[in-house]
Amino acid sequence: MGYVQSIARPISRPISRSILVYDSDAQKYFTAVETAGGSFDLSGIDPTYTESYVKTAHSNFYAGLKTDGLWNKLTEFYLLAGKTFGGLTVKGKGSGSITNNNFVSGDYQATGSGAGLTGDGSSKYIICNLAPPSNPDDLHCGHYMTANATGNIVSLDGGTAGSNADFQLRDADAVFPASSVNLTSLWTLEPCYPIASRRGVNDVEVYQNGVSRATDTTTATASISDVASWQLFAIEGASLSAATLTFAHIGTGLTDTEASNLSTRVNTLMTSLGCNVY
């Protein structure tokens, strides 16, 4: 009589997978960047910066803005680090895309010391394609700068230089939409993160790295030109800067606490990408 050999078969079990769940707005950003030809896999620069690491850092930033009540205070922001050059024109928040004027991949570094987009001081700038805000008395802007260029405009402009339509941050001063509100020599020209906030007709404050550096209580009538153009690295395509920026933003006026919290959130993201300046 023959014997039937019993063959033990392994029990089939579901494979456990770790699924990363990102903030919903961060995911929209990731999809838009990848659709534009960009990538978040920066491990070729440094093995630390895998796609999941970089996306998690961004997602934590987005979620943190919401936790701190800052998300709705930011009309638009632009992430100029933490992705490959192919996704440069995708906004972190905001409709449409930015317009790249003359920047090439060699002007950009995604992570590490010196990361960001570097201007040439003569021909390279970005148009943000954002309509001028309707209320210039409730307005802020800022930029995270990892390298600067003395005296040139490095952030956003809302009108022709010298008029009361200006809303700018320069390396060494801040000009708001009123000619009498001009806060000069507020910080030295080292890399830093300045934010300027206008919260009313006589309530202007400028911060450096989350700390208040100056206030202005001058009462002035603010206005913004209908043809104003919000740009990075330029005033109306002129007075161009050779600074290096990793982040820029515009929105409604920020309180001291909000400016401090925003500075912390942005610097935490930049620290995760190895390009923090404070």
C-alpha atoms as a PDB file:
ATOM      1  CA  MET A   1       0.000   0.000   0.000  1.00  0.00           C
ATOM      2  CA  GLY A   2       1.460   3.340  -0.984  1.00  0.00           C
ATOM      3  CA  TYR A   3       1.728   6.303   1.268  1.00  0.00           C
ATOM      4  CA  VAL A   4       0.388   9.751   0.450  1.00  0.00           C
ATOM      5  CA  GLN A   5       2.827  12.404   1.499  1.00  0.00           C
ATOM      6  CA  SER A   6       1.231  15.406   3.133  1.00  0.00           C
ATOM      7  CA  ILE A   7       2.815  18.630   1.954  1.00  0.00           C
ATOM      8  CA  ALA A   8       2.520  21.515   4.320  1.00  0.00           C
ATOM      9  CA  ARG A   9       1.620  24.713   2.560  1.00  0.00           C
ATOM     10  CA  PRO A  10       2.400  28.141   3.994  1.00  0.00           C
ATOM     11  CA  ILE A  11      -0.568  30.050   5.266  1.00  0.00           C
ATOM     12  CA  SER A  12      -1.238  33.070   3.097  1.00  0.00           C
ATOM     13  CA  ARG A  13      -1.152  36.281   5.114  1.00  0.00           C
ATOM     14  CA  PRO A  14      -1.683  39.837   3.954  1.00  0.00           C
ATOM     15  CA  ILE A  15       1.515  41.787   3.512  1.00  0.00           C
ATOM     16  CA  SER A  16       1.786  44.634   5.967  1.00  0.00           C
ATOM     17  CA  ARG A  17       2.591  47.901   4.250  1.00  0.00           C
ATOM     18  CA  SER A  18       3.334  51.243   5.799  1.00  0.00           C
ATOM     19  CA  ILE A  19       1.141  53.802   4.098  1.00  0.00           C
ATOM     20  CA  LEU A  20       2.162  57.420   4.376  1.00  0.00           C
ATOM     21  CA  VAL A  21      -0.795  59.768   4.648  1.00  0.00           C
ATOM     22  CA  TYR A  22       0.054  63.352   3.755  1.00  0.00           C
ATOM     23  CA  ASP A  23      -1.827  66.571   4.414  1.00  0.00           C
ATOM     24  CA  SER A  24      -4.446  66.989   1.669  1.00  0.00           C
ATOM     25  CA  ASP A  25      -3.128  70.347   0.443  1.00  0.00           C
ATOM     26  CA  ALA A  26       0.430  69.058   0.538  1.00  0.00           C
ATOM     27  CA  GLN A  27      -0.687  66.120  -1.600  1.00  0.00           C
ATOM     28  CA  LYS A  28      -2.222  68.510  -4.132  1.00  0.00           C
ATOM     29  CA  TYR A  29       1.114  70.310  -4.249  1.00  0.00           C
ATOM     30  CA  PHE A  30       3.019  67.042  -4.721  1.00  0.00           C
ATOM     31  CA  THR A  31       0.738  66.013  -7.577  1.00  0.00           C
ATOM     32  CA  ALA A  32       1.069  69.387  -9.313  1.00  0.00           C
ATOM     33  CA  VAL A  33       4.876  69.353  -9.029  1.00  0.00           C
ATOM     34  CA  GLU A  34       5.105  65.823 -10.385  1.00  0.00           C
ATOM     35  CA  THR A  35       2.686  66.615 -13.207  1.00  0.00           C
ATOM     36  CA  ALA A  36       4.939  69.541 -14.140  1.00  0.00           C
ATOM     37  CA  GLY A  37       7.921  67.179 -14.348  1.00  0.00           C
ATOM     38  CA  GLY A  38       9.384  67.762 -10.893  1.00  0.00           C
ATOM     39  CA  SER A  39      10.341  65.238  -8.238  1.00  0.00           C
ATOM     40  CA  PHE A  40      10.773  65.082  -4.470  1.00  0.00           C
ATOM     41  CA  ASP A  41      13.342  62.296  -4.600  1.00  0.00           C
ATOM     42  CA  LEU A  42      16.520  64.221  -3.815  1.00  0.00           C
ATOM     43  CA  SER A  43      18.544  61.234  -2.627  1.00  0.00           C
ATOM     44  CA  GLY A  44      20.935  61.793  -5.506  1.00  0.00           C
ATOM     45  CA  ILE A  45      22.084  64.938  -3.713  1.00  0.00           C
ATOM     46  CA  ASP A  46      22.157  63.347  -0.275  1.00  0.00           C
ATOM     47  CA  PRO A  47      20.891  59.857   0.709  1.00  0.00           C
ATOM     48  CA  THR A  48      18.913  61.462   3.556  1.00  0.00           C
ATOM     49  CA  TYR A  49      16.539  63.223   1.187  1.00  0.00           C
ATOM     50  CA  THR A  50      14.424  60.361  -0.072  1.00  0.00           C
ATOM     51  CA  GLU A  51      11.030  61.070  -1.585  1.00  0.00           C
ATOM     52  CA  SER A  52       9.198  59.996   1.577  1.00  0.00           C
ATOM     53  CA  TYR A  53      11.499  62.082   3.808  1.00  0.00           C
ATOM     54  CA  VAL A  54      11.068  65.236   1.733  1.00  0.00           C
ATOM     55  CA  LYS A  55       7.321  64.813   1.305  1.00  0.00           C
ATOM     56  CA  THR A  56       6.862  64.175   5.017  1.00  0.00           C
ATOM     57  CA  ALA A  57       8.769  67.373   5.842  1.00  0.00           C
ATOM     58  CA  HIS A  58       6.523  69.350   3.495  1.00  0.00           C
ATOM     59  CA  SER A  59       3.358  67.689   4.783  1.00  0.00           C
ATOM     60  CA  ASN A  60       4.305  68.498   8.375  1.00  0.00           C
ATOM     61  CA  PHE A  61       4.797  72.120   7.316  1.00  0.00           C
ATOM     62  CA  TYR A  62       1.361  72.319   5.681  1.00  0.00           C
ATOM     63  CA  ALA A  63      -0.310  70.667   8.670  1.00  0.00           C
ATOM     64  CA  GLY A  64       1.559  72.954  11.070  1.00  0.00           C
ATOM     65  CA  LEU A  65       0.300  76.058   9.288  1.00  0.00           C
ATOM     66  CA  LYS A  66      -3.236  74.841   9.865  1.00  0.00           C
ATOM     67  CA  THR A  67      -2.602  73.926  13.489  1.00  0.00           C
ATOM     68  CA  ASP A  68      -1.292  77.439  14.143  1.00  0.00           C
ATOM     69  CA  GLY A  69      -4.190  79.135  12.331  1.00  0.00           C
ATOM     70  CA  LEU A  70      -1.833  80.469   9.668  1.00  0.00           C
ATOM     71  CA  TRP A  71      -3.130  78.707   6.572  1.00  0.00           C
ATOM     72  CA  ASN A  72      -5.871  81.258   5.883  1.00  0.00           C
ATOM     73  CA  LYS A  73      -3.487  84.158   6.600  1.00  0.00           C
ATOM     74  CA  LEU A  74      -1.338  83.143   3.626  1.00  0.00           C
ATOM     75  CA  THR A  75      -2.779  84.125   0.256  1.00  0.00           C
ATOM     76  CA  GLU A  76       0.101  82.546  -1.622  1.00  0.00           C
ATOM     77  CA  PHE A  77       3.488  81.052  -0.906  1.00  0.00           C
ATOM     78  CA  TYR A  78       6.299  79.849  -3.107  1.00  0.00           C
ATOM     79  CA  LEU A  79       8.639  76.974  -2.235  1.00  0.00           C
ATOM     80  CA  LEU A  80      11.964  77.516  -3.963  1.00  0.00           C
ATOM     81  CA  ALA A  81      13.679  74.475  -2.458  1.00  0.00           C
ATOM     82  CA  GLY A  82      12.790  70.873  -1.622  1.00  0.00           C
ATOM     83  CA  LYS A  83      11.953  69.706  -5.164  1.00  0.00           C
ATOM     84  CA  THR A  84      13.757  69.378  -8.473  1.00  0.00           C
ATOM     85  CA  PHE A  85      13.932  72.274 -10.918  1.00  0.00           C
ATOM     86  CA  GLY A  86      11.199  70.777 -13.106  1.00  0.00           C
ATOM     87  CA  GLY A  87       8.564  71.710 -10.529  1.00  0.00           C
ATOM     88  CA  LEU A  88       9.877  75.193  -9.816  1.00  0.00           C
ATOM     89  CA  THR A  89       6.908  77.112 -11.223  1.00  0.00           C
ATOM     90  CA  VAL A  90       4.315  75.301  -9.077  1.00  0.00           C
ATOM     91  CA  LYS A  91       3.034  77.436  -6.197  1.00  0.00           C
ATOM     92  CA  GLY A  92       2.977  75.978  -2.705  1.00  0.00           C
ATOM     93  CA  LYS A  93      -0.369  77.700  -2.272  1.00  0.00           C
ATOM     94  CA  GLY A  94      -2.227  79.876  -4.755  1.00  0.00           C
ATOM     95  CA  SER A  95      -3.895  79.653  -8.125  1.00  0.00           C
ATOM     96  CA  GLY A  96      -2.042  79.326 -11.406  1.00  0.00           C
ATOM     97  CA  SER A  97       1.727  79.175 -11.543  1.00  0.00           C
ATOM     98  CA  ILE A  98       4.649  81.559 -11.304  1.00  0.00           C
ATOM     99  CA  THR A  99       6.377  82.761 -14.465  1.00  0.00           C
ATOM    100  CA  ASN A 100      10.082  81.964 -14.658  1.00  0.00           C
ATOM    101  CA  ASN A 101      12.044  84.678 -16.422  1.00  0.00           C
ATOM    102  CA  ASN A 102      15.475  83.318 -17.440  1.00  0.00           C
ATOM    103  CA  PHE A 103      16.290  81.064 -14.483  1.00  0.00           C
ATOM    104  CA  VAL A 104      17.962  77.780 -15.478  1.00  0.00           C
ATOM    105  CA  SER A 105      18.627  74.609 -13.519  1.00  0.00           C
ATOM    106  CA  GLY A 106      22.162  75.763 -12.684  1.00  0.00           C
ATOM    107  CA  ASP A 107      20.648  78.631 -10.659  1.00  0.00           C
ATOM    108  CA  TYR A 108      18.891  76.220  -8.341  1.00  0.00           C
ATOM    109  CA  GLN A 109      19.860  73.925  -5.485  1.00  0.00           C
ATOM    110  CA  ALA A 110      17.124  71.841  -3.882  1.00  0.00           C
ATOM    111  CA  THR A 111      18.671  70.966  -0.497  1.00  0.00           C
ATOM    112  CA  GLY A 112      21.675  71.532   1.713  1.00  0.00           C
ATOM    113  CA  SER A 113      23.728  74.570   2.585  1.00  0.00           C
ATOM    114  CA  GLY A 114      23.088  77.357   0.122  1.00  0.00           C
ATOM    115  CA  ALA A 115      19.869  75.782  -1.164  1.00  0.00           C
ATOM    116  CA  GLY A 116      17.387  77.907  -3.058  1.00  0.00           C
ATOM    117  CA  LEU A 117      17.048  79.873  -6.257  1.00  0.00           C
ATOM    118  CA  THR A 118      19.787  82.415  -6.993  1.00  0.00           C
ATOM    119  CA  GLY A 119      19.273  85.535  -9.093  1.00  0.00           C
ATOM    120  CA  ASP A 120      21.931  87.175 -11.242  1.00  0.00           C
ATOM    121  CA  GLY A 121      21.177  90.812 -10.443  1.00  0.00           C
ATOM    122  CA  SER A 122      20.553  91.652 -14.093  1.00  0.00           C
ATOM    123  CA  SER A 123      18.067  89.492 -16.000  1.00  0.00           C
ATOM    124  CA  LYS A 124      16.486  86.787 -13.833  1.00  0.00           C
ATOM    125  CA  TYR A 125      13.249  87.277 -11.901  1.00  0.00           C
ATOM    126  CA  ILE A 126       9.857  85.714 -11.222  1.00  0.00           C
ATOM    127  CA  ILE A 127       6.365  87.085 -11.843  1.00  0.00           C
ATOM    128  CA  CYS A 128       3.990  85.636  -9.269  1.00  0.00           C
ATOM    129  CA  ASN A 129       0.805  86.174 -11.315  1.00  0.00           C
ATOM    130  CA  LEU A 130      -1.147  87.334  -8.300  1.00  0.00           C
ATOM    131  CA  ALA A 131      -3.649  90.153  -8.536  1.00  0.00           C
ATOM    132  CA  PRO A 132      -2.985  93.030  -6.103  1.00  0.00           C
ATOM    133  CA  PRO A 133      -4.723  92.491  -2.742  1.00  0.00           C
ATOM    134  CA  SER A 134      -7.897  94.499  -2.259  1.00  0.00           C
ATOM    135  CA  ASN A 135      -6.988  95.855   1.188  1.00  0.00           C
ATOM    136  CA  PRO A 136      -3.433  97.222   1.491  1.00  0.00           C
ATOM    137  CA  ASP A 137      -4.046  98.030   5.159  1.00  0.00           C
ATOM    138  CA  ASP A 138      -4.240  94.292   5.904  1.00  0.00           C
ATOM    139  CA  LEU A 139      -1.161  92.859   4.255  1.00  0.00           C
ATOM    140  CA  HIS A 140       2.123  91.081   4.886  1.00  0.00           C
ATOM    141  CA  CYS A 141       4.975  89.625   2.883  1.00  0.00           C
ATOM    142  CA  GLY A 142       8.232  87.873   3.633  1.00  0.00           C
ATOM    143  CA  HIS A 143      11.065  85.827   2.200  1.00  0.00           C
ATOM    144  CA  TYR A 144      13.551  83.261   3.497  1.00  0.00           C
ATOM    145  CA  MET A 145      16.983  84.252   2.236  1.00  0.00           C
ATOM    146  CA  THR A 146      19.988  81.908   2.359  1.00  0.00           C
ATOM    147  CA  ALA A 147      22.315  84.335   0.573  1.00  0.00           C
ATOM    148  CA  ASN A 148      21.861  88.034  -0.082  1.00  0.00           C
ATOM    149  CA  ALA A 149      23.015  90.722  -2.455  1.00  0.00           C
ATOM    150  CA  THR A 150      23.552  94.136  -0.910  1.00  0.00           C
ATOM    151  CA  GLY A 151      20.958  96.790  -1.620  1.00  0.00           C
ATOM    152  CA  ASN A 152      18.856  95.027  -4.223  1.00  0.00           C
ATOM    153  CA  ILE A 153      15.205  94.106  -4.043  1.00  0.00           C
ATOM    154  CA  VAL A 154      14.757  90.470  -3.155  1.00  0.00           C
ATOM    155  CA  SER A 155      11.021  90.029  -2.640  1.00  0.00           C
ATOM    156  CA  LEU A 156       7.613  91.251  -3.628  1.00  0.00           C
ATOM    157  CA  ASP A 157       6.658  94.503  -5.308  1.00  0.00           C
ATOM    158  CA  GLY A 158       3.209  95.979  -5.686  1.00  0.00           C
ATOM    159  CA  GLY A 159       3.878  98.974  -7.886  1.00  0.00           C
ATOM    160  CA  THR A 160       6.399 101.320  -9.444  1.00  0.00           C
ATOM    161  CA  ALA A 161       9.500 102.006  -7.337  1.00  0.00           C
ATOM    162  CA  GLY A 162       9.242 105.256  -5.411  1.00  0.00           C
ATOM    163  CA  SER A 163       5.475 105.556  -5.524  1.00  0.00           C
ATOM    164  CA  ASN A 164       3.068 104.942  -2.676  1.00  0.00           C
ATOM    165  CA  ALA A 165       2.006 101.717  -4.374  1.00  0.00           C
ATOM    166  CA  ASP A 166       5.137  99.925  -3.181  1.00  0.00           C
ATOM    167  CA  PHE A 167       4.949  96.892  -0.944  1.00  0.00           C
ATOM    168  CA  GLN A 168       8.428  95.460  -0.789  1.00  0.00           C
ATOM    169  CA  LEU A 169      11.015  93.828   1.378  1.00  0.00           C
ATOM    170  CA  ARG A 170      14.575  94.723   0.535  1.00  0.00           C
ATOM    171  CA  ASP A 171      17.782  93.497   2.083  1.00  0.00           C
ATOM    172  CA  ALA A 172      17.893  96.496   4.406  1.00  0.00           C
ATOM    173  CA  ASP A 173      14.472  98.131   4.452  1.00  0.00           C
ATOM    174  CA  ALA A 174      10.785  97.585   4.097  1.00  0.00           C
ATOM    175  CA  VAL A 175       8.482  99.799   2.030  1.00  0.00           C
ATOM    176  CA  PHE A 176       4.734  99.560   2.487  1.00  0.00           C
ATOM    177  CA  PRO A 177       1.840 100.881   0.422  1.00  0.00           C
ATOM    178  CA  ALA A 178       2.228 104.409   1.715  1.00  0.00           C
ATOM    179  CA  SER A 179       5.210 106.603   0.917  1.00  0.00           C
ATOM    180  CA  SER A 180       5.588 107.810   4.498  1.00  0.00           C
ATOM    181  CA  VAL A 181       5.968 104.301   5.892  1.00  0.00           C
ATOM    182  CA  ASN A 182       9.578 103.438   5.137  1.00  0.00           C
ATOM    183  CA  LEU A 183      11.450 101.461   7.777  1.00  0.00           C
ATOM    184  CA  THR A 184      15.139 101.558   6.931  1.00  0.00           C
ATOM    185  CA  SER A 185      18.237  99.740   8.162  1.00  0.00           C
ATOM    186  CA  LEU A 186      16.270  97.270  10.245  1.00  0.00           C
ATOM    187  CA  TRP A 187      18.632  94.334   9.972  1.00  0.00           C
ATOM    188  CA  THR A 188      22.130  93.669   8.805  1.00  0.00           C
ATOM    189  CA  LEU A 189      22.574  92.082   5.420  1.00  0.00           C
ATOM    190  CA  GLU A 190      23.285  88.540   6.562  1.00  0.00           C
ATOM    191  CA  PRO A 191      21.014  85.717   5.382  1.00  0.00           C
ATOM    192  CA  CYS A 192      17.819  85.872   7.394  1.00  0.00           C
ATOM    193  CA  TYR A 193      14.039  85.604   7.305  1.00  0.00           C
ATOM    194  CA  PRO A 194      12.327  89.025   7.327  1.00  0.00           C
ATOM    195  CA  ILE A 195       8.557  89.470   7.465  1.00  0.00           C
ATOM    196  CA  ALA A 196       6.759  92.812   7.154  1.00  0.00           C
ATOM    197  CA  SER A 197       3.188  93.146   8.400  1.00  0.00           C
ATOM    198  CA  ARG A 198       0.709  96.000   7.964  1.00  0.00           C
ATOM    199  CA  ARG A 199      -2.359  95.606  10.179  1.00  0.00           C
ATOM    200  CA  GLY A 200      -4.024  98.989   9.764  1.00  0.00           C
ATOM    201  CA  VAL A 201      -3.545 102.587   8.713  1.00  0.00           C
ATOM    202  CA  ASN A 202      -1.051 103.194  11.516  1.00  0.00           C
ATOM    203  CA  ASP A 203       0.142  99.722  12.481  1.00  0.00           C
ATOM    204  CA  VAL A 204       3.227  98.439  10.681  1.00  0.00           C
ATOM    205  CA  GLU A 205       5.771  96.012  12.100  1.00  0.00           C
ATOM    206  CA  VAL A 206       8.827  94.267  10.722  1.00  0.00           C
ATOM    207  CA  TYR A 207      10.268  91.008  12.037  1.00  0.00           C
ATOM    208  CA  GLN A 208      13.580  89.258  11.576  1.00  0.00           C
ATOM    209  CA  ASN A 209      13.696  85.522  12.275  1.00  0.00           C
ATOM    210  CA  GLY A 210      10.440  85.771  14.207  1.00  0.00           C
ATOM    211  CA  VAL A 211      11.490  88.679  16.435  1.00  0.00           C
ATOM    212  CA  SER A 212      10.107  92.205  16.095  1.00  0.00           C
ATOM    213  CA  ARG A 213      12.747  94.649  14.895  1.00  0.00           C
ATOM    214  CA  ALA A 214      10.770  97.838  14.268  1.00  0.00           C
ATOM    215  CA  THR A 215       7.302  99.373  14.313  1.00  0.00           C
ATOM    216  CA  ASP A 216       5.757 102.361  12.616  1.00  0.00           C
ATOM    217  CA  THR A 217       2.586 104.079  13.793  1.00  0.00           C
ATOM    218  CA  THR A 218       2.514 106.757  11.106  1.00  0.00           C
ATOM    219  CA  THR A 219      -1.016 107.257   9.816  1.00  0.00           C
ATOM    220  CA  ALA A 220      -0.920 107.060   6.043  1.00  0.00           C
ATOM    221  CA  THR A 221      -3.402 106.391   3.284  1.00  0.00           C
ATOM    222  CA  ALA A 222      -2.419 103.207   1.505  1.00  0.00           C
ATOM    223  CA  SER A 223      -3.084 102.372  -2.114  1.00  0.00           C
ATOM    224  CA  ILE A 224      -1.992  99.697  -4.540  1.00  0.00           C
ATOM    225  CA  SER A 225      -1.795 100.272  -8.260  1.00  0.00           C
ATOM    226  CA  ASP A 226      -4.268  98.414 -10.471  1.00  0.00           C
ATOM    227  CA  VAL A 227      -1.343  97.417 -12.674  1.00  0.00           C
ATOM    228  CA  ALA A 228       0.854  96.271  -9.805  1.00  0.00           C
ATOM    229  CA  SER A 229       2.832  93.110 -10.366  1.00  0.00           C
ATOM    230  CA  TRP A 230       3.962  90.837  -7.558  1.00  0.00           C
ATOM    231  CA  GLN A 231       7.492  89.692  -8.309  1.00  0.00           C
ATOM    232  CA  LEU A 232      10.476  87.982  -6.738  1.00  0.00           C
ATOM    233  CA  PHE A 233      14.014  89.246  -7.319  1.00  0.00           C
ATOM    234  CA  ALA A 234      12.783  92.466  -8.944  1.00  0.00           C
ATOM    235  CA  ILE A 235      10.795  95.705  -8.818  1.00  0.00           C
ATOM    236  CA  GLU A 236       8.673  95.697 -11.943  1.00  0.00           C
ATOM    237  CA  GLY A 237      11.376  93.731 -13.749  1.00  0.00           C
ATOM    238  CA  ALA A 238      14.078  96.217 -12.691  1.00  0.00           C
ATOM    239  CA  SER A 239      16.560  96.626  -9.798  1.00  0.00           C
ATOM    240  CA  LEU A 240      17.135  92.888  -9.910  1.00  0.00           C
ATOM    241  CA  SER A 241      18.740  90.924  -7.092  1.00  0.00           C
ATOM    242  CA  ALA A 242      21.402  88.244  -6.900  1.00  0.00           C
ATOM    243  CA  ALA A 243      20.046  86.909  -3.613  1.00  0.00           C
ATOM    244  CA  THR A 244      19.191  83.267  -2.947  1.00  0.00           C
ATOM    245  CA  LEU A 245      15.630  82.555  -1.796  1.00  0.00           C
ATOM    246  CA  THR A 246      14.080  79.310  -0.598  1.00  0.00           C
ATOM    247  CA  PHE A 247      10.629  80.576   0.358  1.00  0.00           C
ATOM    248  CA  ALA A 248       8.452  83.663  -0.144  1.00  0.00           C
ATOM    249  CA  HIS A 249       4.885  84.504   0.815  1.00  0.00           C
ATOM    250  CA  ILE A 250       2.172  87.128   0.861  1.00  0.00           C
ATOM    251  CA  GLY A 251      -1.079  87.367   2.782  1.00  0.00           C
ATOM    252  CA  THR A 252      -3.010  89.356   5.350  1.00  0.00           C
ATOM    253  CA  GLY A 253      -1.506  91.182   8.319  1.00  0.00           C
ATOM    254  CA  LEU A 254       0.183  89.058  10.980  1.00  0.00           C
ATOM    255  CA  THR A 255       0.211  89.562  14.733  1.00  0.00           C
ATOM    256  CA  ASP A 256       3.388  89.139  16.762  1.00  0.00           C
ATOM    257  CA  THR A 257       2.402  85.591  17.670  1.00  0.00           C
ATOM    258  CA  GLU A 258       1.513  84.704  14.099  1.00  0.00           C
ATOM    259  CA  ALA A 259       4.774  86.109  12.732  1.00  0.00           C
ATOM    260  CA  SER A 260       6.720  84.156  15.359  1.00  0.00           C
ATOM    261  CA  ASN A 261       4.846  80.915  14.681  1.00  0.00           C
ATOM    262  CA  LEU A 262       5.224  81.281  10.928  1.00  0.00           C
ATOM    263  CA  SER A 263       8.942  81.890  11.303  1.00  0.00           C
ATOM    264  CA  THR A 264       9.248  78.742  13.402  1.00  0.00           C
ATOM    265  CA  ARG A 265       7.292  76.625  10.915  1.00  0.00           C
ATOM    266  CA  VAL A 266       9.298  77.854   7.935  1.00  0.00           C
ATOM    267  CA  ASN A 267      12.630  77.449   9.678  1.00  0.00           C
ATOM    268  CA  THR A 268      11.688  73.923  10.753  1.00  0.00           C
ATOM    269  CA  LEU A 269      11.040  73.027   7.112  1.00  0.00           C
ATOM    270  CA  MET A 270      14.300  74.612   6.040  1.00  0.00           C
ATOM    271  CA  THR A 271      16.149  72.791   8.793  1.00  0.00           C
ATOM    272  CA  SER A 272      14.732  69.493   7.554  1.00  0.00           C
ATOM    273  CA  LEU A 273      16.125  70.367   4.104  1.00  0.00           C
ATOM    274  CA  GLY A 274      19.513  71.340   5.523  1.00  0.00           C
ATOM    275  CA  CYS A 275      19.306  75.006   4.513  1.00  0.00           C
ATOM    276  CA  ASN A 276      18.278  76.831   7.701  1.00  0.00           C
ATOM    277  CA  VAL A 277      19.844  80.223   8.406  1.00  0.00           C
ATOM    278  CA  TYR A 278      18.955  80.560  12.113  1.00  0.00           C
END
